[in-house]
C-alpha atoms as a PDB file:
ATOM      1  CA  MET A   1     108.665  18.376  82.905  1.00  0.00           C
ATOM      2  CA  ARG A   2     105.273  19.661  83.975  1.00  0.00           C
ATOM      3  CA  THR A   3     106.973  21.831  86.573  1.00  0.00           C
ATOM      4  CA  LEU A   4     109.315  23.305  83.962  1.00  0.00           C
ATOM      5  CA  ILE A   5     106.421  24.073  81.638  1.00  0.00           C
ATOM      6  CA  THR A   6     104.451  25.659  84.459  1.00  0.00           C
ATOM      7  CA  LEU A   7     107.352  27.904  85.415  1.00  0.00           C
ATOM      8  CA  THR A   8     107.942  28.883  81.809  1.00  0.00           C
ATOM      9  CA  LEU A   9     104.302  29.826  81.277  1.00  0.00           C
ATOM     10  CA  ALA A  10     104.245  31.778  84.524  1.00  0.00           C
ATOM     11  CA  THR A  11     107.327  33.657  83.469  1.00  0.00           C
ATOM     12  CA  VAL A  12     105.797  34.503  80.105  1.00  0.00           C
ATOM     13  CA  VAL A  13     102.608  35.730  81.765  1.00  0.00           C
ATOM     14  CA  ALA A  14     104.590  37.849  84.243  1.00  0.00           C
ATOM     15  CA  LEU A  15     106.708  39.380  81.493  1.00  0.00           C
ATOM     16  CA  ALA A  16     103.609  40.130  79.434  1.00  0.00           C
ATOM     17  CA  GLY A  17     102.084  41.847  82.452  1.00  0.00           C
ATOM     18  CA  CYS A  18     105.197  43.978  82.939  1.00  0.00           C
ATOM     19  CA  ALA A  19     105.205  44.948  79.271  1.00  0.00           C
ATOM     20  CA  ALA A  20     101.554  45.958  79.463  1.00  0.00           C
ATOM     21  CA  ALA A  21     102.209  48.067  82.549  1.00  0.00           C
ATOM     22  CA  ALA A  22     105.282  49.861  81.104  1.00  0.00           C
ATOM     23  CA  PRO A  23     104.615  53.446  79.991  1.00  0.00           C
ATOM     24  CA  PRO A  24     104.792  54.038  76.243  1.00  0.00           C
ATOM     25  CA  ALA A  25     107.967  55.606  74.892  1.00  0.00           C
ATOM     26  CA  PRO A  26     107.549  59.321  74.215  1.00  0.00           C
ATOM     27  CA  ALA A  27     106.971  60.347  70.622  1.00  0.00           C
ATOM     28  CA  THR A  28     109.902  61.919  68.824  1.00  0.00           C
ATOM     29  CA  VAL A  29     110.088  65.691  69.082  1.00  0.00           C
ATOM     30  CA  PRO A  30     109.126  67.215  65.697  1.00  0.00           C
ATOM     31  CA  GLN A  31     112.285  68.356  63.930  1.00  0.00           C
ATOM     32  CA  LEU A  32     112.372  71.672  62.065  1.00  0.00           C
ATOM     33  CA  THR A  33     114.954  73.723  60.244  1.00  0.00           C
ATOM     34  CA  VAL A  34     115.241  77.319  59.057  1.00  0.00           C
ATOM     35  CA  GLN A  35     114.341  78.652  55.636  1.00  0.00           C
ATOM     36  CA  VAL A  36     116.312  81.868  55.098  1.00  0.00           C
ATOM     37  CA  LEU A  37     114.271  84.628  53.473  1.00  0.00           C
ATOM     38  CA  GLU A  38     116.618  87.590  53.909  1.00  0.00           C
ATOM     39  CA  THR A  39     120.006  88.486  55.382  1.00  0.00           C
ATOM     40  CA  LEU A  40     120.384  91.787  57.245  1.00  0.00           C
ATOM     41  CA  PRO A  41     123.393  93.559  58.764  1.00  0.00           C
ATOM     42  CA  HIS A  42     124.036  93.179  62.508  1.00  0.00           C
ATOM     43  CA  ASP A  43     126.565  94.906  64.748  1.00  0.00           C
ATOM     44  CA  PRO A  44     129.459  92.409  65.023  1.00  0.00           C
ATOM     45  CA  ALA A  45     130.407  93.946  68.401  1.00  0.00           C
ATOM     46  CA  ALA A  46     126.949  93.215  69.889  1.00  0.00           C
ATOM     47  CA  PHE A  47     127.052  90.357  72.405  1.00  0.00           C
ATOM     48  CA  THR A  48     123.355  89.648  71.837  1.00  0.00           C
ATOM     49  CA  GLN A  49     121.331  88.615  74.895  1.00  0.00           C
ATOM     50  CA  GLY A  50     117.792  89.638  73.951  1.00  0.00           C
ATOM     51  CA  LEU A  51     115.993  90.421  70.693  1.00  0.00           C
ATOM     52  CA  GLU A  52     112.366  91.474  70.331  1.00  0.00           C
ATOM     53  CA  PHE A  53     110.034  93.459  68.093  1.00  0.00           C
ATOM     54  CA  SER A  54     107.450  95.911  69.339  1.00  0.00           C
ATOM     55  CA  GLY A  55     105.608  97.128  66.259  1.00  0.00           C
ATOM     56  CA  ALA A  56     108.218  98.036  63.656  1.00  0.00           C
ATOM     57  CA  THR A  57     110.907  98.700  66.286  1.00  0.00           C
ATOM     58  CA  LEU A  58     113.508  96.045  66.975  1.00  0.00           C
ATOM     59  CA  TYR A  59     114.899  96.047  70.521  1.00  0.00           C
ATOM     60  CA  GLU A  60     118.197  94.387  71.369  1.00  0.00           C
ATOM     61  CA  GLY A  61     119.896  93.825  74.704  1.00  0.00           C
ATOM     62  CA  THR A  62     123.619  93.072  74.816  1.00  0.00           C
ATOM     63  CA  GLY A  63     125.950  91.753  77.495  1.00  0.00           C
ATOM     64  CA  LEU A  64     129.495  91.733  78.904  1.00  0.00           C
ATOM     65  CA  VAL A  65     130.639  93.948  81.745  1.00  0.00           C
ATOM     66  CA  GLY A  66     131.365  97.440  80.472  1.00  0.00           C
ATOM     67  CA  GLN A  67     129.798  96.663  77.075  1.00  0.00           C
ATOM     68  CA  SER A  68     126.170  95.939  77.977  1.00  0.00           C
ATOM     69  CA  SER A  69     123.433  98.019  76.373  1.00  0.00           C
ATOM     70  CA  VAL A  70     119.827  98.261  75.254  1.00  0.00           C
ATOM     71  CA  ARG A  71     119.177  99.455  71.715  1.00  0.00           C
ATOM     72  CA  ALA A  72     116.116 100.243  69.604  1.00  0.00           C
ATOM     73  CA  GLY A  73     115.614 101.015  65.937  1.00  0.00           C
ATOM     74  CA  ALA A  74     114.793  99.576  62.538  1.00  0.00           C
ATOM     75  CA  PRO A  75     116.100  96.046  61.872  1.00  0.00           C
ATOM     76  CA  GLY A  76     119.319  96.012  59.902  1.00  0.00           C
ATOM     77  CA  GLN A  77     119.995  99.695  60.673  1.00  0.00           C
ATOM     78  CA  PRO A  78     122.081 101.396  63.377  1.00  0.00           C
ATOM     79  CA  PRO A  79     119.932 101.944  66.488  1.00  0.00           C
ATOM     80  CA  THR A  80     118.211 105.273  66.888  1.00  0.00           C
ATOM     81  CA  THR A  81     118.145 104.954  70.683  1.00  0.00           C
ATOM     82  CA  ARG A  82     120.758 103.329  72.900  1.00  0.00           C
ATOM     83  CA  VAL A  83     121.478 103.197  76.626  1.00  0.00           C
ATOM     84  CA  ASP A  84     124.615 101.601  78.094  1.00  0.00           C
ATOM     85  CA  LEU A  85     124.802  99.781  81.420  1.00  0.00           C
ATOM     86  CA  PRO A  86     127.562 100.807  83.829  1.00  0.00           C
ATOM     87  CA  ALA A  87     129.923  98.199  85.265  1.00  0.00           C
ATOM     88  CA  PRO A  88     129.562  95.850  87.045  1.00  0.00           C
ATOM     89  CA  LEU A  89     126.167  95.163  85.414  1.00  0.00           C
ATOM     90  CA  PHE A  90     126.085  92.391  82.801  1.00  0.00           C
ATOM     91  CA  GLY A  91     122.992  92.761  80.613  1.00  0.00           C
ATOM     92  CA  GLU A  92     120.864  89.773  79.670  1.00  0.00           C
ATOM     93  CA  GLY A  93     117.377  89.177  78.213  1.00  0.00           C
ATOM     94  CA  ILE A  94     114.840  91.914  77.483  1.00  0.00           C
ATOM     95  CA  THR A  95     111.123  92.146  76.754  1.00  0.00           C
ATOM     96  CA  VAL A  96     108.656  94.933  76.029  1.00  0.00           C
ATOM     97  CA  THR A  97     105.417  95.165  78.014  1.00  0.00           C
ATOM     98  CA  GLY A  98     103.532  98.017  76.372  1.00  0.00           C
ATOM     99  CA  PRO A  99     105.043 101.343  77.443  1.00  0.00           C
ATOM    100  CA  THR A 100     107.870  99.743  79.418  1.00  0.00           C
ATOM    101  CA  LEU A 101     110.775  97.364  78.834  1.00  0.00           C
ATOM    102  CA  TRP A 102     112.287  94.909  81.318  1.00  0.00           C
ATOM    103  CA  GLN A 103     115.989  94.074  81.179  1.00  0.00           C
ATOM    104  CA  LEU A 104     117.616  91.247  83.116  1.00  0.00           C
ATOM    105  CA  THR A 105     121.158  91.122  84.449  1.00  0.00           C
ATOM    106  CA  TRP A 106     123.162  87.921  84.589  1.00  0.00           C
ATOM    107  CA  GLN A 107     124.520  87.530  88.141  1.00  0.00           C
ATOM    108  CA  ASN A 108     123.719  90.975  89.560  1.00  0.00           C
ATOM    109  CA  GLY A 109     120.253  89.931  90.785  1.00  0.00           C
ATOM    110  CA  VAL A 110     118.603  93.033  89.341  1.00  0.00           C
ATOM    111  CA  ALA A 111     115.887  93.569  86.730  1.00  0.00           C
ATOM    112  CA  ILE A 112     115.703  97.071  85.272  1.00  0.00           C
ATOM    113  CA  GLU A 113     112.404  98.550  84.137  1.00  0.00           C
ATOM    114  CA  ARG A 114     112.772 101.146  81.370  1.00  0.00           C
ATOM    115  CA  ASP A 115     110.642 103.515  79.360  1.00  0.00           C
ATOM    116  CA  ALA A 116     110.192 101.651  76.069  1.00  0.00           C
ATOM    117  CA  ARG A 117     110.381 104.846  74.005  1.00  0.00           C
ATOM    118  CA  THR A 118     113.413 106.537  75.550  1.00  0.00           C
ATOM    119  CA  LEU A 119     114.991 103.492  77.279  1.00  0.00           C
ATOM    120  CA  ALA A 120     115.423 105.649  80.382  1.00  0.00           C
ATOM    121  CA  GLU A 121     115.639 103.666  83.624  1.00  0.00           C
ATOM    122  CA  LEU A 122     112.488 103.801  85.756  1.00  0.00           C
ATOM    123  CA  ARG A 123     113.324 101.455  88.640  1.00  0.00           C
ATOM    124  CA  ARG A 124     115.194  98.309  89.672  1.00  0.00           C
ATOM    125  CA  VAL A 125     113.736  95.145  91.177  1.00  0.00           C
ATOM    126  CA  SER A 126     115.770  92.414  92.881  1.00  0.00           C
ATOM    127  CA  TYR A 127     115.403  88.697  92.162  1.00  0.00           C
ATOM    128  CA  ASP A 128     117.142  85.496  93.244  1.00  0.00           C
ATOM    129  CA  GLY A 129     119.391  83.484  90.964  1.00  0.00           C
ATOM    130  CA  GLU A 130     120.698  84.250  87.508  1.00  0.00           C
ATOM    131  CA  GLY A 131     118.942  86.065  84.689  1.00  0.00           C
ATOM    132  CA  TRP A 132     119.209  84.671  81.148  1.00  0.00           C
ATOM    133  CA  GLY A 133     116.191  85.088  78.850  1.00  0.00           C
ATOM    134  CA  LEU A 134     112.900  86.978  79.086  1.00  0.00           C
ATOM    135  CA  CYS A 135     109.710  87.329  77.037  1.00  0.00           C
ATOM    136  CA  HIS A 136     106.134  88.519  77.505  1.00  0.00           C
ATOM    137  CA  ASP A 137     103.217  86.307  76.495  1.00  0.00           C
ATOM    138  CA  GLY A 138     100.652  89.085  76.796  1.00  0.00           C
ATOM    139  CA  GLY A 139      99.693  88.375  80.395  1.00  0.00           C
ATOM    140  CA  ARG A 140     102.875  87.398  82.197  1.00  0.00           C
ATOM    141  CA  LEU A 141     106.628  87.448  81.896  1.00  0.00           C
ATOM    142  CA  VAL A 142     108.478  84.213  81.115  1.00  0.00           C
ATOM    143  CA  MET A 143     112.061  84.012  82.384  1.00  0.00           C
ATOM    144  CA  SER A 144     114.934  81.525  82.030  1.00  0.00           C
ATOM    145  CA  ASP A 145     117.941  81.175  84.334  1.00  0.00           C
ATOM    146  CA  GLY A 146     120.067  78.600  82.522  1.00  0.00           C
ATOM    147  CA  SER A 147     118.332  75.651  84.177  1.00  0.00           C
ATOM    148  CA  ASP A 148     115.541  73.425  82.828  1.00  0.00           C
ATOM    149  CA  ARG A 149     112.853  75.728  84.283  1.00  0.00           C
ATOM    150  CA  LEU A 150     110.789  78.575  82.942  1.00  0.00           C
ATOM    151  CA  THR A 151     109.641  80.977  85.669  1.00  0.00           C
ATOM    152  CA  PHE A 152     106.518  83.104  85.292  1.00  0.00           C
ATOM    153  CA  ARG A 153     106.471  86.622  86.730  1.00  0.00           C
ATOM    154  CA  ASP A 154     104.002  89.449  87.134  1.00  0.00           C
ATOM    155  CA  PRO A 155     104.808  92.121  84.507  1.00  0.00           C
ATOM    156  CA  ALA A 156     103.987  94.956  86.925  1.00  0.00           C
ATOM    157  CA  THR A 157     105.766  93.752  90.081  1.00  0.00           C
ATOM    158  CA  PHE A 158     108.195  91.118  88.732  1.00  0.00           C
ATOM    159  CA  ALA A 159     106.961  88.760  91.474  1.00  0.00           C
ATOM    160  CA  VAL A 160     107.099  85.014  90.756  1.00  0.00           C
ATOM    161  CA  THR A 161     103.685  83.527  89.882  1.00  0.00           C
ATOM    162  CA  GLY A 162     104.673  79.981  88.852  1.00  0.00           C
ATOM    163  CA  GLU A 163     107.097  77.787  86.928  1.00  0.00           C
ATOM    164  CA  VAL A 164     107.305  74.729  84.657  1.00  0.00           C
ATOM    165  CA  THR A 165     110.068  72.252  83.882  1.00  0.00           C
ATOM    166  CA  VAL A 166     110.912  72.020  80.195  1.00  0.00           C
ATOM    167  CA  HIS A 167     110.766  68.391  79.121  1.00  0.00           C
ATOM    168  CA  HIS A 168     109.785  65.810  76.554  1.00  0.00           C
ATOM    169  CA  GLY A 169     108.604  62.642  78.201  1.00  0.00           C
ATOM    170  CA  GLU A 170     111.132  61.923  80.936  1.00  0.00           C
ATOM    171  CA  GLN A 171     113.898  63.989  79.312  1.00  0.00           C
ATOM    172  CA  THR A 172     114.489  67.523  80.566  1.00  0.00           C
ATOM    173  CA  PHE A 173     116.219  70.364  78.723  1.00  0.00           C
ATOM    174  CA  SER A 174     118.554  72.833  80.451  1.00  0.00           C
ATOM    175  CA  GLN A 175     120.760  75.716  79.291  1.00  0.00           C
ATOM    176  CA  LEU A 176     117.624  77.594  78.201  1.00  0.00           C
ATOM    177  CA  ASN A 177     118.815  81.017  77.127  1.00  0.00           C
ATOM    178  CA  GLU A 178     117.198  83.845  75.126  1.00  0.00           C
ATOM    179  CA  LEU A 179     113.403  83.527  74.904  1.00  0.00           C
ATOM    180  CA  GLU A 180     110.667  84.625  72.526  1.00  0.00           C
ATOM    181  CA  CYS A 181     106.930  84.362  73.219  1.00  0.00           C
ATOM    182  CA  ALA A 182     104.996  83.940  69.956  1.00  0.00           C
ATOM    183  CA  GLY A 183     101.814  82.217  68.846  1.00  0.00           C
ATOM    184  CA  GLY A 184     101.079  80.737  72.258  1.00  0.00           C
ATOM    185  CA  ALA A 185     104.516  79.073  72.425  1.00  0.00           C
ATOM    186  CA  VAL A 186     107.853  79.972  73.979  1.00  0.00           C
ATOM    187  CA  TYR A 187     110.931  79.657  71.784  1.00  0.00           C
ATOM    188  CA  ALA A 188     114.214  79.153  73.646  1.00  0.00           C
ATOM    189  CA  ASN A 189     117.772  79.248  72.363  1.00  0.00           C
ATOM    190  CA  VAL A 190     119.807  76.426  73.900  1.00  0.00           C
ATOM    191  CA  TRP A 191     123.136  77.886  74.984  1.00  0.00           C
ATOM    192  CA  GLN A 192     126.254  76.701  73.140  1.00  0.00           C
ATOM    193  CA  THR A 193     124.209  74.920  70.467  1.00  0.00           C
ATOM    194  CA  ASP A 194     122.580  75.772  67.152  1.00  0.00           C
ATOM    195  CA  ARG A 195     119.193  74.609  68.466  1.00  0.00           C
ATOM    196  CA  ILE A 196     115.992  76.438  69.364  1.00  0.00           C
ATOM    197  CA  LEU A 197     113.247  74.683  71.323  1.00  0.00           C
ATOM    198  CA  ARG A 198     109.534  75.378  70.870  1.00  0.00           C
ATOM    199  CA  ILE A 199     107.814  74.918  74.234  1.00  0.00           C
ATOM    200  CA  ASP A 200     104.213  74.747  75.419  1.00  0.00           C
ATOM    201  CA  PRO A 201     104.297  77.127  78.423  1.00  0.00           C
ATOM    202  CA  ALA A 202     101.211  75.519  79.986  1.00  0.00           C
ATOM    203  CA  THR A 203     102.974  72.173  80.479  1.00  0.00           C
ATOM    204  CA  GLY A 204     106.656  72.734  79.713  1.00  0.00           C
ATOM    205  CA  GLU A 205     106.427  70.136  76.944  1.00  0.00           C
ATOM    206  CA  VAL A 206     108.838  70.579  74.021  1.00  0.00           C
ATOM    207  CA  THR A 207     106.736  70.565  70.842  1.00  0.00           C
ATOM    208  CA  GLY A 208     109.494  71.207  68.331  1.00  0.00           C
ATOM    209  CA  GLN A 209     113.255  71.371  67.952  1.00  0.00           C
ATOM    210  CA  ILE A 210     114.655  73.766  65.351  1.00  0.00           C
ATOM    211  CA  THR A 211     118.174  73.331  63.989  1.00  0.00           C
ATOM    212  CA  ALA A 212     119.789  76.523  62.718  1.00  0.00           C
ATOM    213  CA  ALA A 213     123.221  75.221  61.782  1.00  0.00           C
ATOM    214  CA  GLY A 214     125.425  76.498  58.978  1.00  0.00           C
ATOM    215  CA  LEU A 215     123.974  79.997  58.690  1.00  0.00           C
ATOM    216  CA  LEU A 216     127.327  81.785  58.867  1.00  0.00           C
ATOM    217  CA  THR A 217     130.149  81.433  56.394  1.00  0.00           C
ATOM    218  CA  PRO A 218     133.391  79.962  57.778  1.00  0.00           C
ATOM    219  CA  ALA A 219     134.921  83.454  57.802  1.00  0.00           C
ATOM    220  CA  GLN A 220     131.952  84.904  59.697  1.00  0.00           C
ATOM    221  CA  ALA A 221     131.863  82.002  62.137  1.00  0.00           C
ATOM    222  CA  SER A 222     135.560  82.367  62.995  1.00  0.00           C
ATOM    223  CA  ALA A 223     134.901  85.688  64.764  1.00  0.00           C
ATOM    224  CA  ALA A 224     131.396  84.945  66.055  1.00  0.00           C
ATOM    225  CA  ASP A 225     130.045  83.381  69.234  1.00  0.00           C
ATOM    226  CA  VAL A 226     126.930  81.239  69.728  1.00  0.00           C
ATOM    227  CA  LEU A 227     123.443  81.514  68.268  1.00  0.00           C
ATOM    228  CA  ASN A 228     121.373  83.696  70.602  1.00  0.00           C
ATOM    229  CA  GLY A 229     118.573  86.020  69.619  1.00  0.00           C
ATOM    230  CA  ILE A 230     115.126  85.334  68.228  1.00  0.00           C
ATOM    231  CA  ALA A 231     112.389  87.861  67.489  1.00  0.00           C
ATOM    232  CA  ALA A 232     108.980  87.117  65.974  1.00  0.00           C
ATOM    233  CA  VAL A 233     108.205  89.466  63.069  1.00  0.00           C
ATOM    234  CA  PRO A 234     104.791  91.012  63.867  1.00  0.00           C
ATOM    235  CA  GLY A 235     101.917  89.978  61.618  1.00  0.00           C
ATOM    236  CA  THR A 236     103.836  87.107  60.012  1.00  0.00           C
ATOM    237  CA  ASP A 237     104.999  83.562  60.720  1.00  0.00           C
ATOM    238  CA  GLU A 238     108.593  84.737  60.327  1.00  0.00           C
ATOM    239  CA  PHE A 239     111.404  85.372  62.811  1.00  0.00           C
ATOM    240  CA  LEU A 240     114.664  87.269  62.983  1.00  0.00           C
ATOM    241  CA  ILE A 241     117.515  85.223  64.433  1.00  0.00           C
ATOM    242  CA  THR A 242     121.110  86.170  65.164  1.00  0.00           C
ATOM    243  CA  GLY A 243     123.882  85.443  67.636  1.00  0.00           C
ATOM    244  CA  LYS A 244     126.519  86.922  69.890  1.00  0.00           C
ATOM    245  CA  LEU A 245     129.032  88.892  67.818  1.00  0.00           C
ATOM    246  CA  TRP A 246     127.350  87.867  64.563  1.00  0.00           C
ATOM    247  CA  PRO A 247     127.829  90.310  61.665  1.00  0.00           C
ATOM    248  CA  VAL A 248     124.430  89.420  60.211  1.00  0.00           C
ATOM    249  CA  MET A 249     120.910  88.479  61.226  1.00  0.00           C
ATOM    250  CA  PHE A 250     118.507  86.318  59.261  1.00  0.00           C
ATOM    251  CA  ARG A 251     114.810  86.643  58.521  1.00  0.00           C
ATOM    252  CA  VAL A 252     113.594  83.054  58.497  1.00  0.00           C
ATOM    253  CA  LYS A 253     110.675  80.664  58.622  1.00  0.00           C
ATOM    254  CA  PHE A 254     110.737  77.484  60.667  1.00  0.00           C
ATOM    255  CA  VAL A 255     109.867  74.600  58.362  1.00  0.00           C
ATOM    256  CA  PRO A 256     109.776  70.803  58.771  1.00  0.00           C
ATOM    257  CA  ALA A 257     113.174  69.174  58.360  1.00  0.00           C
ATOM    258  CA  SER A 258     113.427  66.882  55.350  1.00  0.00           C
END
């Protein structure tokens, strides 16, 4: 009997020690939703890959071979400037870095630097892997390639300067698509979902998950593709969001989910 009691106490002590040594479970990612402030027209033929404001000008990059383009103009209006990409280039994310604009291609391994005013091509730079999303945090480029990594690049040379894995606790997040740098965070559309992640670029930690479901009517959704496109509205806490082949875009705020 004494032996049984001794073993039982030892087991309890051992289990207590294991529990004390176990890492704490990660806190739940803050959940947000979208508050729609305005609905604007959007070209339903635009396979949106990148969306970004520079001042009052909204830039948009579109994809598909033979249909890829870069456009610039007032939001909700036909673009005043547009340049098309020749086949076989498949356009992806874009970002403006002062007087120039960078445009990714999907599997062509080429980034195109353009004049931000005219959209004229200035040069091409090669890179390894796929190109998905791109944004500029003021000092460096942030790029996604469909994996769970964000890669940092020099805005002048496009050379790699570092990377982080996007995660929350032990969980990682892949399929990171179109990006937006705003307010010290990186916002990333998650491909084939109605979710946007808010990421701390210093650590890769996900600090918020935004659900943007149900924005389109059933009729609109029947001809549309996935959510993809997020642009911070300068001087506000608002964003424009849209998707591939969406007939509308939405001016929204990200607010806590009820």
